[in-house]
Amino acid sequence: MAFKISWTDNAKENIRDITNYLLDDWNFEVAEKFTDNLIEQTFRLEKMPFLGKEHSELDAVRKLPILPHNILFYTILRDEIIILNVLDSRKK
């Protein structure tokens, strides 16, 4: 059974910020690689919701790397995966 993916407004905003940052400070190929990998990982999460590691401080939160500099944080409620946030460690 595939899980439903939901995004918080905060996660959507951070994805836009990360994409804009990558376009401004890096290039189109880097931004495209980020979005392609993000989409691929969310498809994987739909089928394997426990793919990410448990957060060390928040029991209900899991984290999944998106390329070396990005981390997707999510939680699972029944048959739904809620993407809480996506962070980029390169951002100033």
C-alpha atoms as a PDB file:
ATOM      1  CA  MET A   1       0.000   0.000   0.000  1.00  0.00           C
ATOM      2  CA  ALA A   2       1.368   3.394  -0.978  1.00  0.00           C
ATOM      3  CA  PHE A   3       1.256   6.149   1.591  1.00  0.00           C
ATOM      4  CA  LYS A   4      -0.118   9.601   0.809  1.00  0.00           C
ATOM      5  CA  ILE A   5       2.432  12.437   0.854  1.00  0.00           C
ATOM      6  CA  SER A   6       1.460  15.808   2.357  1.00  0.00           C
ATOM      7  CA  TRP A   7       3.635  18.904   2.583  1.00  0.00           C
ATOM      8  CA  THR A   8       3.566  21.564   5.271  1.00  0.00           C
ATOM      9  CA  ASP A   9       3.615  25.184   4.134  1.00  0.00           C
ATOM     10  CA  ASN A  10       7.011  25.525   5.811  1.00  0.00           C
ATOM     11  CA  ALA A  11       8.433  22.643   3.753  1.00  0.00           C
ATOM     12  CA  LYS A  12       7.045  24.098   0.505  1.00  0.00           C
ATOM     13  CA  GLU A  13       8.534  27.493   1.301  1.00  0.00           C
ATOM     14  CA  ASN A  14      11.930  25.999   2.138  1.00  0.00           C
ATOM     15  CA  ILE A  15      11.968  24.020  -1.118  1.00  0.00           C
ATOM     16  CA  ARG A  16      11.310  27.238  -3.050  1.00  0.00           C
ATOM     17  CA  ASP A  17      14.065  28.988  -1.072  1.00  0.00           C
ATOM     18  CA  ILE A  18      16.543  26.159  -1.653  1.00  0.00           C
ATOM     19  CA  THR A  19      15.764  26.019  -5.367  1.00  0.00           C
ATOM     20  CA  ASN A  20      16.161  29.794  -5.696  1.00  0.00           C
ATOM     21  CA  TYR A  21      19.406  29.669  -3.724  1.00  0.00           C
ATOM     22  CA  LEU A  22      20.773  26.923  -5.982  1.00  0.00           C
ATOM     23  CA  LEU A  23      19.767  28.842  -9.112  1.00  0.00           C
ATOM     24  CA  ASP A  24      21.333  32.084  -7.831  1.00  0.00           C
ATOM     25  CA  ASP A  25      24.532  30.768  -6.236  1.00  0.00           C
ATOM     26  CA  TRP A  26      25.180  27.579  -8.221  1.00  0.00           C
ATOM     27  CA  ASN A  27      23.484  26.824 -11.540  1.00  0.00           C
ATOM     28  CA  PHE A  28      20.447  25.309 -13.217  1.00  0.00           C
ATOM     29  CA  GLU A  29      21.914  21.790 -13.289  1.00  0.00           C
ATOM     30  CA  VAL A  30      22.463  21.775  -9.513  1.00  0.00           C
ATOM     31  CA  ALA A  31      18.913  23.047  -8.884  1.00  0.00           C
ATOM     32  CA  GLU A  32      17.496  20.456 -11.285  1.00  0.00           C
ATOM     33  CA  LYS A  33      19.475  17.665  -9.623  1.00  0.00           C
ATOM     34  CA  PHE A  34      18.064  18.734  -6.243  1.00  0.00           C
ATOM     35  CA  THR A  35      14.442  18.760  -7.433  1.00  0.00           C
ATOM     36  CA  ASP A  36      14.832  15.473  -9.341  1.00  0.00           C
ATOM     37  CA  ASN A  37      16.331  13.794  -6.282  1.00  0.00           C
ATOM     38  CA  LEU A  38      13.643  15.242  -4.006  1.00  0.00           C
ATOM     39  CA  ILE A  39      10.896  13.856  -6.262  1.00  0.00           C
ATOM     40  CA  GLU A  40      12.632  10.473  -6.469  1.00  0.00           C
ATOM     41  CA  GLN A  41      12.969  10.238  -2.689  1.00  0.00           C
ATOM     42  CA  THR A  42       9.312  11.143  -2.101  1.00  0.00           C
ATOM     43  CA  PHE A  43       8.271   8.374  -4.509  1.00  0.00           C
ATOM     44  CA  ARG A  44      10.460   5.979  -2.520  1.00  0.00           C
ATOM     45  CA  LEU A  45       8.902   7.186   0.747  1.00  0.00           C
ATOM     46  CA  GLU A  46       5.409   6.436  -0.559  1.00  0.00           C
ATOM     47  CA  LYS A  47       6.382   2.773  -0.810  1.00  0.00           C
ATOM     48  CA  MET A  48       8.866   2.592   2.087  1.00  0.00           C
ATOM     49  CA  PRO A  49       7.829   5.123   4.742  1.00  0.00           C
ATOM     50  CA  PHE A  50      10.407   3.950   7.289  1.00  0.00           C
ATOM     51  CA  LEU A  51      13.287   4.531   4.863  1.00  0.00           C
ATOM     52  CA  GLY A  52      14.594   7.548   6.795  1.00  0.00           C
ATOM     53  CA  LYS A  53      16.463   7.352  10.093  1.00  0.00           C
ATOM     54  CA  GLU A  54      14.755   8.272  13.342  1.00  0.00           C
ATOM     55  CA  HIS A  55      15.587  11.764  14.550  1.00  0.00           C
ATOM     56  CA  SER A  56      17.883  11.595  17.577  1.00  0.00           C
ATOM     57  CA  GLU A  57      15.833  14.078  19.646  1.00  0.00           C
ATOM     58  CA  LEU A  58      12.287  13.857  18.261  1.00  0.00           C
ATOM     59  CA  ASP A  59      10.835  10.346  18.338  1.00  0.00           C
ATOM     60  CA  ALA A  60       8.015  10.968  15.853  1.00  0.00           C
ATOM     61  CA  VAL A  61      10.287  12.609  13.265  1.00  0.00           C
ATOM     62  CA  ARG A  62      12.390  10.813  10.680  1.00  0.00           C
ATOM     63  CA  LYS A  63      15.059  12.281   8.388  1.00  0.00           C
ATOM     64  CA  LEU A  64      16.155  11.343   4.909  1.00  0.00           C
ATOM     65  CA  PRO A  65      19.159  12.762   3.035  1.00  0.00           C
ATOM     66  CA  ILE A  66      18.445  14.465  -0.279  1.00  0.00           C
ATOM     67  CA  LEU A  67      21.877  14.705  -1.890  1.00  0.00           C
ATOM     68  CA  PRO A  68      24.814  15.438   0.417  1.00  0.00           C
ATOM     69  CA  HIS A  69      23.692  18.887   1.573  1.00  0.00           C
ATOM     70  CA  ASN A  70      19.922  18.518   2.035  1.00  0.00           C
ATOM     71  CA  ILE A  71      17.796  16.707   4.603  1.00  0.00           C
ATOM     72  CA  LEU A  72      14.079  15.976   4.423  1.00  0.00           C
ATOM     73  CA  PHE A  73      12.269  15.748   7.781  1.00  0.00           C
ATOM     74  CA  TYR A  74       8.964  13.910   7.968  1.00  0.00           C
ATOM     75  CA  THR A  75       6.519  12.126  10.231  1.00  0.00           C
ATOM     76  CA  ILE A  76       4.102   9.272   9.628  1.00  0.00           C
ATOM     77  CA  LEU A  77       0.446   9.405  10.682  1.00  0.00           C
ATOM     78  CA  ARG A  78      -1.592   6.297   9.822  1.00  0.00           C
ATOM     79  CA  ASP A  79      -1.362   6.063   6.001  1.00  0.00           C
ATOM     80  CA  GLU A  80       0.061   9.555   5.486  1.00  0.00           C
ATOM     81  CA  ILE A  81       3.612  10.894   5.327  1.00  0.00           C
ATOM     82  CA  ILE A  82       3.815  14.550   6.288  1.00  0.00           C
ATOM     83  CA  ILE A  83       6.890  16.352   5.004  1.00  0.00           C
ATOM     84  CA  LEU A  84       7.707  18.767   7.813  1.00  0.00           C
ATOM     85  CA  ASN A  85      10.764  20.507   6.415  1.00  0.00           C
ATOM     86  CA  VAL A  86      13.625  20.367   3.935  1.00  0.00           C
ATOM     87  CA  LEU A  87      16.899  21.998   4.970  1.00  0.00           C
ATOM     88  CA  ASP A  88      20.029  22.877   3.010  1.00  0.00           C
ATOM     89  CA  SER A  89      23.265  22.999   5.015  1.00  0.00           C
ATOM     90  CA  ARG A  90      24.956  25.226   2.397  1.00  0.00           C
ATOM     91  CA  LYS A  91      22.603  28.154   2.915  1.00  0.00           C
ATOM     92  CA  LYS A  92      24.023  31.144   4.703  1.00  0.00           C
END
